[in-house]
Amino acid sequence: MKNTRLTALAAIGVAATLSLTACGGSDSGKNSSSKGSSSSSSDGGSTSSEDGSKSSDGGSEAGNAQSDSGQDTKTDTGAANGAAKTGSKVTFCKTEDLAINAQDAAPDETAGRINITMINRGSATCSATGFAGVDIKDADNTSNPIERGQAQPRITTLKPGDAAVFNLAYDIDNTGNSLTHPTHIQVTPPNETHTVDLEWPASAGDIKGAYTDVQVYPTHTTK
């Protein structure tokens, strides 16, 4: 009987030991799993946060670029539409609708100047903005193109009856030995192809140098 009791107690002790070992292993597994999960979650969260930050910065830059592009496009389109409307309302003056004449307008005896006036005798408003084409015909029957002066064209819009003027400028030769003998001025209004012949003003001073020393300036209104 005594041996039987000892055997039974030994068996109970072994069972208790096995039970405690199993419980300890289960807790250890849970702790290890929990720790691994926590570490993984923390690392993943950090990566997600960095990606989110980068994504936010990229979106901001893209938004600014889109905004800038939108503003530029809007401005360019508006300007183009404005130019189109202006172009459709006012056309360039035609030679046939202009009364053109030339007169001596020298301010003194050394600076030569010839004013060429263009009057809109048409029934509609037109534009004479820009440089007229000018050639001077010489007594030897040659035609000499005149170069443009250093000046920026001004808006020159003519209502019916309005006048625009441009001038030829040169130095006067008072020696009586000028090598040029102009007889006519050939004028082609801005943006036109038809030309008119005007007589060289009889009172205009002689040209000093050559025809290449004469310059034509852009049109402007007389008002």
N, C-alpha and C. Protein backbone atom coordinates (compact mmCIF):
# COMPACT_ATOMS: atom_id res chain seq x y z
N MET A 1 0.83 -1.21 0.00
CA MET A 1 0.00 0.00 0.00
C MET A 1 0.86 1.25 0.00
N LYS A 2 1.87 1.19 0.81
CA LYS A 2 2.78 2.35 0.91
C LYS A 2 3.42 2.64 -0.42
N ASN A 3 3.85 1.60 -1.10
CA ASN A 3 4.49 1.79 -2.42
C ASN A 3 3.50 2.34 -3.44
N THR A 4 2.27 1.88 -3.34
CA THR A 4 1.22 2.33 -4.27
C THR A 4 0.98 3.81 -4.10
N ARG A 5 0.91 4.30 -2.83
CA ARG A 5 0.70 5.73 -2.58
C ARG A 5 1.86 6.57 -3.10
N LEU A 6 3.06 6.12 -2.90
CA LEU A 6 4.24 6.86 -3.37
C LEU A 6 4.22 6.97 -4.88
N THR A 7 3.83 5.85 -5.50
CA THR A 7 3.77 5.85 -6.98
C THR A 7 2.74 6.84 -7.47
N ALA A 8 1.57 6.85 -6.78
CA ALA A 8 0.49 7.78 -7.17
C ALA A 8 0.91 9.20 -6.97
N LEU A 9 1.57 9.51 -5.91
CA LEU A 9 2.02 10.90 -5.65
C LEU A 9 3.07 11.32 -6.67
N ALA A 10 3.93 10.41 -7.00
CA ALA A 10 4.97 10.71 -8.01
C ALA A 10 4.33 11.03 -9.34
N ALA A 11 3.28 10.28 -9.68
CA ALA A 11 2.58 10.51 -10.97
C ALA A 11 1.92 11.88 -10.99
N ILE A 12 1.29 12.22 -9.84
CA ILE A 12 0.63 13.54 -9.74
C ILE A 12 1.65 14.64 -9.87
N GLY A 13 2.82 14.46 -9.26
CA GLY A 13 3.89 15.48 -9.33
C GLY A 13 4.38 15.66 -10.75
N VAL A 14 4.54 14.56 -11.44
CA VAL A 14 5.01 14.63 -12.84
C VAL A 14 3.98 15.35 -13.68
N ALA A 15 2.69 15.06 -13.47
CA ALA A 15 1.60 15.70 -14.25
C ALA A 15 1.57 17.18 -14.00
N ALA A 16 1.76 17.57 -12.72
CA ALA A 16 1.75 19.02 -12.39
C ALA A 16 2.91 19.73 -13.06
N THR A 17 4.04 19.05 -13.05
CA THR A 17 5.23 19.66 -13.67
C THR A 17 5.02 19.86 -15.16
N LEU A 18 4.45 18.85 -15.82
CA LEU A 18 4.16 18.94 -17.26
C LEU A 18 3.17 20.04 -17.54
N SER A 19 2.17 20.17 -16.67
CA SER A 19 1.15 21.21 -16.86
C SER A 19 1.75 22.59 -16.78
N LEU A 20 2.62 22.83 -15.80
CA LEU A 20 3.27 24.14 -15.62
C LEU A 20 4.17 24.46 -16.80
N THR A 21 4.85 23.43 -17.28
CA THR A 21 5.76 23.63 -18.44
C THR A 21 4.99 24.05 -19.66
N ALA A 22 3.83 23.39 -19.85
CA ALA A 22 2.97 23.72 -21.03
C ALA A 22 2.46 25.13 -20.93
N CYS A 23 2.03 25.54 -19.72
CA CYS A 23 1.52 26.91 -19.54
C CYS A 23 2.60 27.92 -19.78
N GLY A 24 3.79 27.67 -19.27
CA GLY A 24 4.92 28.60 -19.46
C GLY A 24 5.26 28.74 -20.92
N GLY A 25 5.25 27.68 -21.68
CA GLY A 25 5.55 27.73 -23.12
C GLY A 25 4.53 28.52 -23.86
N SER A 26 3.26 28.39 -23.48
CA SER A 26 2.19 29.13 -24.16
C SER A 26 2.33 30.61 -23.95
N ASP A 27 2.65 31.04 -22.70
CA ASP A 27 2.80 32.46 -22.40
C ASP A 27 3.99 33.04 -23.14
N SER A 28 5.05 32.24 -23.18
CA SER A 28 6.25 32.72 -23.85
C SER A 28 5.99 32.93 -25.31
N GLY A 29 5.20 32.02 -25.92
CA GLY A 29 4.85 32.16 -27.34
C GLY A 29 4.02 33.38 -27.57
N LYS A 30 3.08 33.62 -26.64
CA LYS A 30 2.22 34.79 -26.80
C LYS A 30 3.03 36.06 -26.70
N ASN A 31 3.93 36.14 -25.72
CA ASN A 31 4.76 37.33 -25.54
C ASN A 31 5.63 37.59 -26.74
N SER A 32 6.21 36.50 -27.24
CA SER A 32 7.10 36.64 -28.40
C SER A 32 6.32 37.12 -29.61
N SER A 33 5.13 36.53 -29.81
CA SER A 33 4.30 36.92 -30.96
C SER A 33 3.85 38.35 -30.83
N SER A 34 3.44 38.74 -29.60
CA SER A 34 2.98 40.11 -29.36
C SER A 34 4.08 41.11 -29.61
N LYS A 35 5.29 40.76 -29.14
CA LYS A 35 6.42 41.65 -29.31
C LYS A 35 6.76 41.81 -30.77
N GLY A 36 6.75 40.70 -31.52
CA GLY A 36 7.04 40.76 -32.95
C GLY A 36 6.01 41.57 -33.68
N SER A 37 4.75 41.38 -33.31
CA SER A 37 3.67 42.12 -33.96
C SER A 37 3.79 43.60 -33.70
N SER A 38 4.13 43.96 -32.44
CA SER A 38 4.27 45.36 -32.07
C SER A 38 5.41 46.00 -32.82
N SER A 39 6.52 45.29 -32.92
CA SER A 39 7.69 45.82 -33.62
C SER A 39 7.38 46.03 -35.08
N SER A 40 6.70 45.03 -35.68
CA SER A 40 6.37 45.13 -37.11
C SER A 40 5.42 46.27 -37.36
N SER A 41 4.42 46.42 -36.48
CA SER A 41 3.44 47.48 -36.64
C SER A 41 4.09 48.84 -36.52
N SER A 42 5.00 48.97 -35.57
CA SER A 42 5.68 50.25 -35.35
C SER A 42 6.52 50.62 -36.55
N ASP A 43 7.28 49.65 -37.09
CA ASP A 43 8.12 49.94 -38.26
C ASP A 43 7.27 50.30 -39.46
N GLY A 44 6.19 49.54 -39.64
CA GLY A 44 5.30 49.81 -40.77
C GLY A 44 4.67 51.18 -40.65
N GLY A 45 4.29 51.57 -39.43
CA GLY A 45 3.69 52.88 -39.23
C GLY A 45 4.65 53.98 -39.59
N SER A 46 5.91 53.81 -39.21
CA SER A 46 6.92 54.83 -39.50
C SER A 46 7.08 55.00 -40.99
N THR A 47 7.14 53.89 -41.73
CA THR A 47 7.29 53.95 -43.18
C THR A 47 6.11 54.63 -43.81
N SER A 48 4.91 54.28 -43.34
CA SER A 48 3.69 54.88 -43.88
C SER A 48 3.68 56.38 -43.68
N SER A 49 4.15 56.83 -42.49
CA SER A 49 4.18 58.25 -42.18
C SER A 49 5.11 59.00 -43.12
N GLU A 50 6.30 58.42 -43.39
CA GLU A 50 7.25 59.07 -44.30
C GLU A 50 6.68 59.16 -45.70
N ASP A 51 6.07 58.07 -46.16
CA ASP A 51 5.48 58.07 -47.50
C ASP A 51 4.39 59.11 -47.60
N GLY A 52 3.58 59.19 -46.54
CA GLY A 52 2.49 60.16 -46.55
C GLY A 52 3.01 61.57 -46.63
N SER A 53 4.10 61.84 -45.91
CA SER A 53 4.69 63.18 -45.92
C SER A 53 5.20 63.53 -47.30
N LYS A 54 5.89 62.59 -47.95
CA LYS A 54 6.42 62.83 -49.28
C LYS A 54 5.28 63.06 -50.27
N SER A 55 4.25 62.24 -50.13
CA SER A 55 3.10 62.38 -51.03
C SER A 55 2.47 63.75 -50.89
N SER A 56 2.40 64.24 -49.66
CA SER A 56 1.81 65.56 -49.42
C SER A 56 2.62 66.66 -50.07
N ASP A 57 3.98 66.58 -49.96
CA ASP A 57 4.85 67.59 -50.58
C ASP A 57 4.70 67.58 -52.08
N GLY A 58 4.67 66.38 -52.67
CA GLY A 58 4.54 66.28 -54.12
C GLY A 58 3.24 66.86 -54.60
N GLY A 59 2.17 66.62 -53.86
CA GLY A 59 0.87 67.16 -54.25
C GLY A 59 0.87 68.67 -54.22
N SER A 60 1.55 69.26 -53.22
CA SER A 60 1.61 70.71 -53.11
C SER A 60 2.34 71.31 -54.29
N GLU A 61 3.47 70.72 -54.68
CA GLU A 61 4.23 71.22 -55.82
C GLU A 61 3.42 71.11 -57.10
N ALA A 62 2.75 70.00 -57.28
CA ALA A 62 1.93 69.82 -58.48
C ALA A 62 0.81 70.83 -58.52
N GLY A 63 0.25 71.14 -57.36
CA GLY A 63 -0.83 72.13 -57.30
C GLY A 63 -0.34 73.50 -57.69
N ASN A 64 0.84 73.88 -57.20
CA ASN A 64 1.41 75.19 -57.57
C ASN A 64 1.69 75.27 -59.05
N ALA A 65 2.25 74.22 -59.61
CA ALA A 65 2.56 74.22 -61.04
C ALA A 65 1.29 74.34 -61.86
N GLN A 66 0.25 73.64 -61.45
CA GLN A 66 -1.01 73.69 -62.18
C GLN A 66 -1.63 75.07 -62.08
N SER A 67 -1.53 75.68 -60.89
CA SER A 67 -2.08 77.02 -60.70
C SER A 67 -1.37 78.03 -61.58
N ASP A 68 -0.01 77.95 -61.61
CA ASP A 68 0.77 78.86 -62.45
C ASP A 68 0.43 78.68 -63.91
N SER A 69 0.32 77.42 -64.31
CA SER A 69 0.01 77.15 -65.71
C SER A 69 -1.35 77.70 -66.07
N GLY A 70 -2.31 77.55 -65.16
CA GLY A 70 -3.65 78.06 -65.42
C GLY A 70 -3.66 79.56 -65.59
N GLN A 71 -2.90 80.28 -64.76
CA GLN A 71 -2.88 81.74 -64.84
C GLN A 71 -2.27 82.21 -66.16
N ASP A 72 -1.15 81.57 -66.55
CA ASP A 72 -0.49 81.97 -67.79
C ASP A 72 -1.39 81.75 -68.99
N THR A 73 -2.03 80.57 -68.99
CA THR A 73 -2.90 80.24 -70.12
C THR A 73 -4.05 81.22 -70.22
N LYS A 74 -4.61 81.59 -69.08
CA LYS A 74 -5.74 82.51 -69.07
C LYS A 74 -5.32 83.88 -69.61
N THR A 75 -4.16 84.36 -69.17
CA THR A 75 -3.67 85.66 -69.61
C THR A 75 -3.39 85.68 -71.10
N ASP A 76 -2.68 84.62 -71.58
CA ASP A 76 -2.34 84.56 -73.00
C ASP A 76 -3.60 84.50 -73.85
N THR A 77 -4.57 83.70 -73.40
CA THR A 77 -5.79 83.57 -74.17
C THR A 77 -6.54 84.89 -74.22
N GLY A 78 -6.59 85.59 -73.09
CA GLY A 78 -7.27 86.89 -73.06
C GLY A 78 -6.63 87.89 -73.99
N ALA A 79 -5.29 87.92 -73.99
CA ALA A 79 -4.57 88.85 -74.85
C ALA A 79 -4.82 88.53 -76.31
N ALA A 80 -4.82 87.22 -76.63
CA ALA A 80 -5.04 86.81 -78.01
C ALA A 80 -6.44 87.19 -78.47
N ASN A 81 -7.44 86.98 -77.58
CA ASN A 81 -8.81 87.35 -77.93
C ASN A 81 -8.95 88.85 -78.13
N GLY A 82 -8.26 89.63 -77.26
CA GLY A 82 -8.30 91.09 -77.39
C GLY A 82 -7.71 91.53 -78.71
N ALA A 83 -6.59 90.92 -79.10
CA ALA A 83 -5.94 91.28 -80.36
C ALA A 83 -6.83 90.91 -81.53
N ALA A 84 -7.50 89.77 -81.42
CA ALA A 84 -8.38 89.34 -82.51
C ALA A 84 -9.55 90.30 -82.68
N LYS A 85 -10.10 90.76 -81.54
CA LYS A 85 -11.22 91.69 -81.62
C LYS A 85 -10.79 93.01 -82.23
N THR A 86 -9.61 93.50 -81.82
CA THR A 86 -9.10 94.75 -82.36
C THR A 86 -8.87 94.63 -83.85
N GLY A 87 -8.27 93.48 -84.25
CA GLY A 87 -7.98 93.28 -85.66
C GLY A 87 -9.25 93.21 -86.50
N SER A 88 -10.33 92.66 -85.93
CA SER A 88 -11.56 92.52 -86.70
C SER A 88 -12.30 93.84 -86.83
N LYS A 89 -12.05 94.78 -85.92
CA LYS A 89 -12.76 96.06 -85.96
C LYS A 89 -12.04 97.10 -86.82
N VAL A 90 -10.70 97.12 -86.73
CA VAL A 90 -9.95 98.16 -87.44
C VAL A 90 -8.98 97.51 -88.43
N THR A 91 -9.16 97.80 -89.70
CA THR A 91 -8.25 97.28 -90.72
C THR A 91 -7.27 98.38 -91.12
N PHE A 92 -6.20 98.02 -91.79
CA PHE A 92 -5.22 99.01 -92.22
C PHE A 92 -5.77 99.87 -93.35
N CYS A 93 -5.36 101.12 -93.34
CA CYS A 93 -5.83 102.07 -94.35
C CYS A 93 -5.33 101.65 -95.74
N LYS A 94 -6.20 101.75 -96.71
CA LYS A 94 -5.82 101.45 -98.09
C LYS A 94 -5.32 102.72 -98.77
N THR A 95 -4.38 102.55 -99.67
CA THR A 95 -3.81 103.69 -100.38
C THR A 95 -4.89 104.49 -101.08
N GLU A 96 -5.85 103.80 -101.65
CA GLU A 96 -6.91 104.48 -102.42
C GLU A 96 -7.81 105.35 -101.54
N ASP A 97 -7.79 105.08 -100.22
CA ASP A 97 -8.62 105.87 -99.30
C ASP A 97 -7.85 107.00 -98.62
N LEU A 98 -6.60 107.18 -99.00
CA LEU A 98 -5.77 108.21 -98.36
C LEU A 98 -5.41 109.33 -99.33
N ALA A 99 -5.55 110.57 -98.85
CA ALA A 99 -5.06 111.74 -99.59
C ALA A 99 -3.67 112.03 -99.03
N ILE A 100 -2.64 111.93 -99.87
CA ILE A 100 -1.25 112.02 -99.39
C ILE A 100 -0.54 113.19 -100.05
N ASN A 101 0.19 113.96 -99.24
CA ASN A 101 0.97 115.08 -99.78
C ASN A 101 2.26 115.26 -98.99
N ALA A 102 3.23 115.92 -99.58
CA ALA A 102 4.53 116.16 -98.94
C ALA A 102 4.85 117.64 -98.92
N GLN A 103 5.44 118.11 -97.84
CA GLN A 103 5.83 119.51 -97.74
C GLN A 103 7.11 119.68 -96.93
N ASP A 104 7.84 120.72 -97.25
CA ASP A 104 9.08 121.01 -96.53
C ASP A 104 8.74 121.49 -95.12
N ALA A 105 9.40 120.90 -94.12
CA ALA A 105 9.15 121.28 -92.73
C ALA A 105 10.47 121.43 -91.97
N ALA A 106 11.53 121.85 -92.67
CA ALA A 106 12.85 121.99 -92.03
C ALA A 106 12.80 123.01 -90.91
N PRO A 107 13.29 122.67 -89.73
CA PRO A 107 13.27 123.60 -88.60
C PRO A 107 14.34 124.69 -88.70
N ASP A 108 15.38 124.42 -89.47
CA ASP A 108 16.45 125.40 -89.64
C ASP A 108 17.19 125.12 -90.96
N GLU A 109 18.34 125.76 -91.16
CA GLU A 109 19.05 125.62 -92.43
C GLU A 109 20.02 124.43 -92.46
N THR A 110 20.10 123.70 -91.37
CA THR A 110 21.01 122.55 -91.34
C THR A 110 20.30 121.20 -91.23
N ALA A 111 19.12 121.20 -90.63
CA ALA A 111 18.36 119.95 -90.47
C ALA A 111 17.22 119.90 -91.47
N GLY A 112 17.33 119.00 -92.42
CA GLY A 112 16.26 118.86 -93.42
C GLY A 112 15.16 117.95 -92.92
N ARG A 113 13.91 118.34 -93.20
CA ARG A 113 12.78 117.49 -92.82
C ARG A 113 11.64 117.71 -93.79
N ILE A 114 11.08 116.60 -94.25
CA ILE A 114 9.91 116.65 -95.12
C ILE A 114 8.79 115.89 -94.43
N ASN A 115 7.68 116.56 -94.21
CA ASN A 115 6.51 115.93 -93.61
C ASN A 115 5.61 115.38 -94.70
N ILE A 116 5.19 114.14 -94.52
CA ILE A 116 4.26 113.51 -95.46
C ILE A 116 2.98 113.21 -94.69
N THR A 117 1.90 113.83 -95.14
CA THR A 117 0.61 113.73 -94.45
C THR A 117 -0.33 112.80 -95.21
N MET A 118 -1.05 111.97 -94.46
CA MET A 118 -2.03 111.04 -95.04
C MET A 118 -3.38 111.29 -94.38
N ILE A 119 -4.37 111.68 -95.14
CA ILE A 119 -5.71 111.97 -94.61
C ILE A 119 -6.67 110.84 -95.01
N ASN A 120 -7.39 110.32 -94.03
CA ASN A 120 -8.35 109.26 -94.31
C ASN A 120 -9.60 109.86 -94.94
N ARG A 121 -9.77 109.64 -96.22
CA ARG A 121 -10.95 110.13 -96.93
C ARG A 121 -11.96 109.02 -97.18
N GLY A 122 -11.74 107.87 -96.53
CA GLY A 122 -12.68 106.75 -96.64
C GLY A 122 -13.86 106.93 -95.69
N SER A 123 -14.74 105.95 -95.66
CA SER A 123 -15.95 106.04 -94.83
C SER A 123 -15.83 105.26 -93.52
N ALA A 124 -14.70 104.60 -93.31
CA ALA A 124 -14.52 103.79 -92.10
C ALA A 124 -13.20 104.13 -91.40
N THR A 125 -13.18 103.86 -90.11
CA THR A 125 -11.94 104.06 -89.34
C THR A 125 -10.91 103.02 -89.78
N CYS A 126 -9.66 103.45 -89.88
CA CYS A 126 -8.60 102.52 -90.31
C CYS A 126 -7.31 102.82 -89.56
N SER A 127 -6.36 101.90 -89.64
CA SER A 127 -5.09 102.04 -88.94
C SER A 127 -3.96 102.36 -89.93
N ALA A 128 -3.15 103.36 -89.57
CA ALA A 128 -1.98 103.72 -90.37
C ALA A 128 -0.71 103.52 -89.54
N THR A 129 -0.79 102.60 -88.58
CA THR A 129 0.33 102.36 -87.66
C THR A 129 1.53 101.72 -88.35
N GLY A 130 2.72 102.24 -88.07
CA GLY A 130 3.94 101.61 -88.58
C GLY A 130 4.78 102.53 -89.46
N PHE A 131 5.65 101.92 -90.24
CA PHE A 131 6.51 102.64 -91.16
C PHE A 131 5.95 102.56 -92.58
N ALA A 132 5.94 103.69 -93.25
CA ALA A 132 5.59 103.68 -94.67
C ALA A 132 6.83 103.29 -95.47
N GLY A 133 6.61 102.68 -96.61
CA GLY A 133 7.73 102.39 -97.50
C GLY A 133 8.02 103.63 -98.33
N VAL A 134 9.28 104.04 -98.41
CA VAL A 134 9.64 105.27 -99.12
C VAL A 134 10.84 105.03 -100.05
N ASP A 135 10.70 105.48 -101.28
CA ASP A 135 11.81 105.51 -102.24
C ASP A 135 11.89 106.93 -102.79
N ILE A 136 13.10 107.40 -103.03
CA ILE A 136 13.27 108.73 -103.63
C ILE A 136 13.81 108.55 -105.05
N LYS A 137 13.12 109.15 -106.00
CA LYS A 137 13.56 109.09 -107.40
C LYS A 137 14.48 110.27 -107.69
N ASP A 138 15.57 109.97 -108.35
CA ASP A 138 16.56 110.99 -108.68
C ASP A 138 16.39 111.43 -110.14
N ALA A 139 17.02 112.55 -110.47
CA ALA A 139 16.94 113.08 -111.84
C ALA A 139 17.54 112.12 -112.85
N ASP A 140 18.39 111.22 -112.42
CA ASP A 140 18.98 110.25 -113.35
C ASP A 140 18.11 109.00 -113.52
N ASN A 141 16.85 109.08 -113.03
CA ASN A 141 15.86 108.01 -113.16
C ASN A 141 16.12 106.78 -112.29
N THR A 142 17.00 106.92 -111.31
CA THR A 142 17.20 105.83 -110.36
C THR A 142 16.24 105.99 -109.19
N SER A 143 15.93 104.88 -108.54
CA SER A 143 15.05 104.90 -107.38
C SER A 143 15.83 104.38 -106.18
N ASN A 144 15.78 105.12 -105.09
CA ASN A 144 16.61 104.79 -103.92
C ASN A 144 15.75 104.56 -102.67
N PRO A 145 15.77 103.32 -102.13
CA PRO A 145 15.00 103.04 -100.91
C PRO A 145 15.57 103.78 -99.71
N ILE A 146 14.67 104.25 -98.84
CA ILE A 146 15.07 105.01 -97.65
C ILE A 146 15.00 104.12 -96.42
N GLU A 147 16.04 104.19 -95.61
CA GLU A 147 16.11 103.35 -94.41
C GLU A 147 15.28 103.91 -93.26
N ARG A 148 14.89 103.03 -92.35
CA ARG A 148 14.10 103.43 -91.19
C ARG A 148 14.97 104.04 -90.10
N GLY A 149 14.43 105.07 -89.45
CA GLY A 149 15.12 105.67 -88.31
C GLY A 149 14.90 104.84 -87.06
N GLN A 150 15.69 105.12 -86.04
CA GLN A 150 15.60 104.39 -84.77
C GLN A 150 14.45 104.94 -83.93
N ALA A 151 13.26 104.46 -84.18
CA ALA A 151 12.08 104.90 -83.43
C ALA A 151 11.05 103.78 -83.42
N GLN A 152 10.26 103.72 -82.35
CA GLN A 152 9.22 102.71 -82.22
C GLN A 152 7.90 103.24 -82.78
N PRO A 153 7.19 102.45 -83.59
CA PRO A 153 5.89 102.88 -84.11
C PRO A 153 4.89 103.16 -82.99
N ARG A 154 4.01 104.12 -83.22
CA ARG A 154 2.95 104.44 -82.27
C ARG A 154 1.59 104.11 -82.90
N ILE A 155 0.65 103.76 -82.06
CA ILE A 155 -0.69 103.45 -82.56
C ILE A 155 -1.25 104.67 -83.28
N THR A 156 -1.62 104.47 -84.54
CA THR A 156 -2.13 105.58 -85.35
C THR A 156 -3.43 105.14 -86.00
N THR A 157 -4.54 105.44 -85.34
CA THR A 157 -5.87 105.08 -85.84
C THR A 157 -6.56 106.32 -86.38
N LEU A 158 -7.07 106.21 -87.59
CA LEU A 158 -7.68 107.36 -88.25
C LEU A 158 -9.16 107.17 -88.50
N LYS A 159 -9.96 108.05 -87.92
CA LYS A 159 -11.37 108.09 -88.26
C LYS A 159 -11.51 108.84 -89.58
N PRO A 160 -12.63 108.73 -90.24
CA PRO A 160 -12.80 109.47 -91.50
C PRO A 160 -12.50 110.97 -91.29
N GLY A 161 -11.61 111.53 -92.10
CA GLY A 161 -11.23 112.93 -92.00
C GLY A 161 -9.99 113.18 -91.16
N ASP A 162 -9.55 112.18 -90.35
CA ASP A 162 -8.36 112.34 -89.52
C ASP A 162 -7.09 112.23 -90.37
N ALA A 163 -6.01 112.78 -89.84
CA ALA A 163 -4.73 112.76 -90.58
C ALA A 163 -3.62 112.13 -89.76
N ALA A 164 -2.73 111.45 -90.47
CA ALA A 164 -1.50 110.92 -89.88
C ALA A 164 -0.34 111.55 -90.62
N VAL A 165 0.79 111.66 -89.94
CA VAL A 165 1.96 112.25 -90.58
C VAL A 165 3.21 111.44 -90.24
N PHE A 166 4.14 111.38 -91.18
CA PHE A 166 5.47 110.84 -90.90
C PHE A 166 6.46 111.72 -91.63
N ASN A 167 7.71 111.62 -91.27
CA ASN A 167 8.68 112.53 -91.90
C ASN A 167 9.95 111.85 -92.36
N LEU A 168 10.59 112.52 -93.30
CA LEU A 168 11.92 112.13 -93.77
C LEU A 168 12.90 113.12 -93.15
N ALA A 169 14.01 112.63 -92.64
CA ALA A 169 14.99 113.51 -92.00
C ALA A 169 16.37 113.31 -92.62
N TYR A 170 17.10 114.41 -92.77
CA TYR A 170 18.44 114.35 -93.33
C TYR A 170 19.18 115.64 -92.99
N ASP A 171 20.48 115.67 -93.26
CA ASP A 171 21.27 116.90 -93.08
C ASP A 171 21.28 117.67 -94.40
N ILE A 172 21.20 118.99 -94.27
CA ILE A 172 21.16 119.83 -95.47
C ILE A 172 22.58 120.19 -95.93
N ASP A 173 22.79 120.10 -97.23
CA ASP A 173 24.06 120.48 -97.85
C ASP A 173 23.92 121.90 -98.38
N ASN A 174 24.63 122.82 -97.77
CA ASN A 174 24.55 124.24 -98.17
C ASN A 174 25.70 124.66 -99.09
N THR A 175 26.46 123.69 -99.57
CA THR A 175 27.61 124.03 -100.42
C THR A 175 27.22 124.24 -101.88
N GLY A 176 26.06 123.74 -102.24
CA GLY A 176 25.66 123.81 -103.65
C GLY A 176 26.26 122.71 -104.49
N ASN A 177 26.95 121.79 -103.84
CA ASN A 177 27.61 120.68 -104.56
C ASN A 177 27.03 119.31 -104.20
N SER A 178 25.77 119.29 -103.83
CA SER A 178 25.13 118.02 -103.46
C SER A 178 25.16 117.04 -104.63
N LEU A 179 25.40 115.80 -104.32
CA LEU A 179 25.46 114.76 -105.36
C LEU A 179 24.08 114.16 -105.65
N THR A 180 23.06 114.56 -104.90
CA THR A 180 21.71 114.04 -105.13
C THR A 180 20.83 115.12 -105.75
N HIS A 181 19.90 114.67 -106.61
CA HIS A 181 18.97 115.60 -107.26
C HIS A 181 17.58 114.96 -107.27
N PRO A 182 16.93 114.92 -106.11
CA PRO A 182 15.62 114.25 -106.00
C PRO A 182 14.52 114.96 -106.78
N THR A 183 13.67 114.18 -107.39
CA THR A 183 12.53 114.75 -108.14
C THR A 183 11.18 114.28 -107.58
N HIS A 184 11.11 113.03 -107.10
CA HIS A 184 9.85 112.48 -106.59
C HIS A 184 10.07 111.61 -105.35
N ILE A 185 9.02 111.52 -104.56
CA ILE A 185 9.02 110.62 -103.39
C ILE A 185 7.93 109.57 -103.64
N GLN A 186 8.31 108.32 -103.63
CA GLN A 186 7.35 107.24 -103.80
C GLN A 186 6.96 106.71 -102.42
N VAL A 187 5.66 106.78 -102.11
CA VAL A 187 5.18 106.41 -100.77
C VAL A 187 4.23 105.23 -100.84
N THR A 188 4.50 104.23 -100.02
CA THR A 188 3.61 103.09 -99.85
C THR A 188 3.17 103.08 -98.39
N PRO A 189 1.89 103.35 -98.10
CA PRO A 189 1.42 103.39 -96.71
C PRO A 189 1.70 102.08 -95.97
N PRO A 190 1.76 102.12 -94.63
CA PRO A 190 2.03 100.90 -93.84
C PRO A 190 1.09 99.76 -94.20
N ASN A 191 1.64 98.58 -94.36
CA ASN A 191 0.87 97.37 -94.67
C ASN A 191 0.06 97.49 -95.95
N GLU A 192 0.57 98.22 -96.90
CA GLU A 192 -0.05 98.33 -98.22
C GLU A 192 0.95 97.95 -99.30
N THR A 193 0.45 97.75 -100.51
CA THR A 193 1.33 97.41 -101.63
C THR A 193 1.20 98.42 -102.76
N HIS A 194 0.21 99.29 -102.69
CA HIS A 194 0.01 100.30 -103.73
C HIS A 194 0.75 101.59 -103.37
N THR A 195 1.44 102.14 -104.35
CA THR A 195 2.32 103.29 -104.13
C THR A 195 1.80 104.54 -104.83
N VAL A 196 2.09 105.70 -104.25
CA VAL A 196 1.76 106.98 -104.90
C VAL A 196 3.05 107.76 -105.11
N ASP A 197 3.08 108.55 -106.17
CA ASP A 197 4.24 109.41 -106.47
C ASP A 197 3.94 110.85 -106.05
N LEU A 198 4.83 111.41 -105.25
CA LEU A 198 4.70 112.80 -104.81
C LEU A 198 5.91 113.58 -105.31
N GLU A 199 5.69 114.82 -105.67
CA GLU A 199 6.82 115.65 -106.11
C GLU A 199 7.67 116.04 -104.90
N TRP A 200 8.98 116.07 -105.11
CA TRP A 200 9.89 116.53 -104.07
C TRP A 200 9.63 118.02 -103.84
N PRO A 201 9.39 118.46 -102.61
CA PRO A 201 9.08 119.87 -102.36
C PRO A 201 10.20 120.78 -102.90
N ALA A 202 9.81 121.77 -103.69
CA ALA A 202 10.80 122.65 -104.33
C ALA A 202 11.62 123.43 -103.32
N SER A 203 11.04 123.73 -102.16
CA SER A 203 11.74 124.55 -101.17
C SER A 203 12.65 123.74 -100.25
N ALA A 204 12.63 122.40 -100.38
CA ALA A 204 13.43 121.56 -99.49
C ALA A 204 14.91 121.72 -99.77
N GLY A 205 15.72 121.71 -98.73
CA GLY A 205 17.17 121.86 -98.89
C GLY A 205 17.79 120.63 -99.54
N ASP A 206 18.98 120.81 -100.09
CA ASP A 206 19.69 119.70 -100.73
C ASP A 206 20.13 118.68 -99.68
N ILE A 207 20.23 117.44 -100.14
CA ILE A 207 20.63 116.36 -99.24
C ILE A 207 22.14 116.29 -99.13
N LYS A 208 22.63 116.26 -97.90
CA LYS A 208 24.06 116.13 -97.67
C LYS A 208 24.44 114.64 -97.65
N GLY A 209 25.42 114.28 -98.45
CA GLY A 209 25.81 112.88 -98.52
C GLY A 209 25.06 112.16 -99.61
N ALA A 210 24.54 110.99 -99.27
CA ALA A 210 23.82 110.16 -100.24
C ALA A 210 22.41 109.87 -99.73
N TYR A 211 21.62 109.18 -100.57
CA TYR A 211 20.25 108.85 -100.15
C TYR A 211 20.24 107.90 -98.95
N THR A 212 21.33 107.18 -98.76
CA THR A 212 21.42 106.29 -97.60
C THR A 212 21.51 107.07 -96.29
N ASP A 213 21.73 108.38 -96.39
CA ASP A 213 21.81 109.22 -95.18
C ASP A 213 20.44 109.81 -94.81
N VAL A 214 19.44 109.51 -95.62
CA VAL A 214 18.07 109.97 -95.33
C VAL A 214 17.36 108.86 -94.55
N GLN A 215 16.54 109.23 -93.57
CA GLN A 215 15.81 108.24 -92.78
C GLN A 215 14.33 108.58 -92.74
N VAL A 216 13.51 107.52 -92.69
CA VAL A 216 12.06 107.69 -92.58
C VAL A 216 11.64 107.25 -91.18
N TYR A 217 10.69 108.00 -90.59
CA TYR A 217 10.22 107.74 -89.23
C TYR A 217 8.76 107.28 -89.26
N PRO A 218 8.31 106.57 -88.21
CA PRO A 218 6.95 106.02 -88.22
C PRO A 218 5.86 107.07 -88.16
N THR A 219 4.67 106.64 -88.51
CA THR A 219 3.52 107.54 -88.53
C THR A 219 3.05 107.89 -87.11
N HIS A 220 2.36 109.00 -87.00
CA HIS A 220 1.70 109.39 -85.75
C HIS A 220 0.55 110.34 -86.12
N THR A 221 -0.38 110.49 -85.22
CA THR A 221 -1.52 111.35 -85.50
C THR A 221 -1.12 112.82 -85.33
N THR A 222 -1.87 113.71 -85.93
CA THR A 222 -1.56 115.14 -85.84
C THR A 222 -2.26 115.77 -84.66
N LYS A 223 -3.10 115.03 -83.95
CA LYS A 223 -3.83 115.60 -82.81
C LYS A 223 -2.99 115.52 -81.56
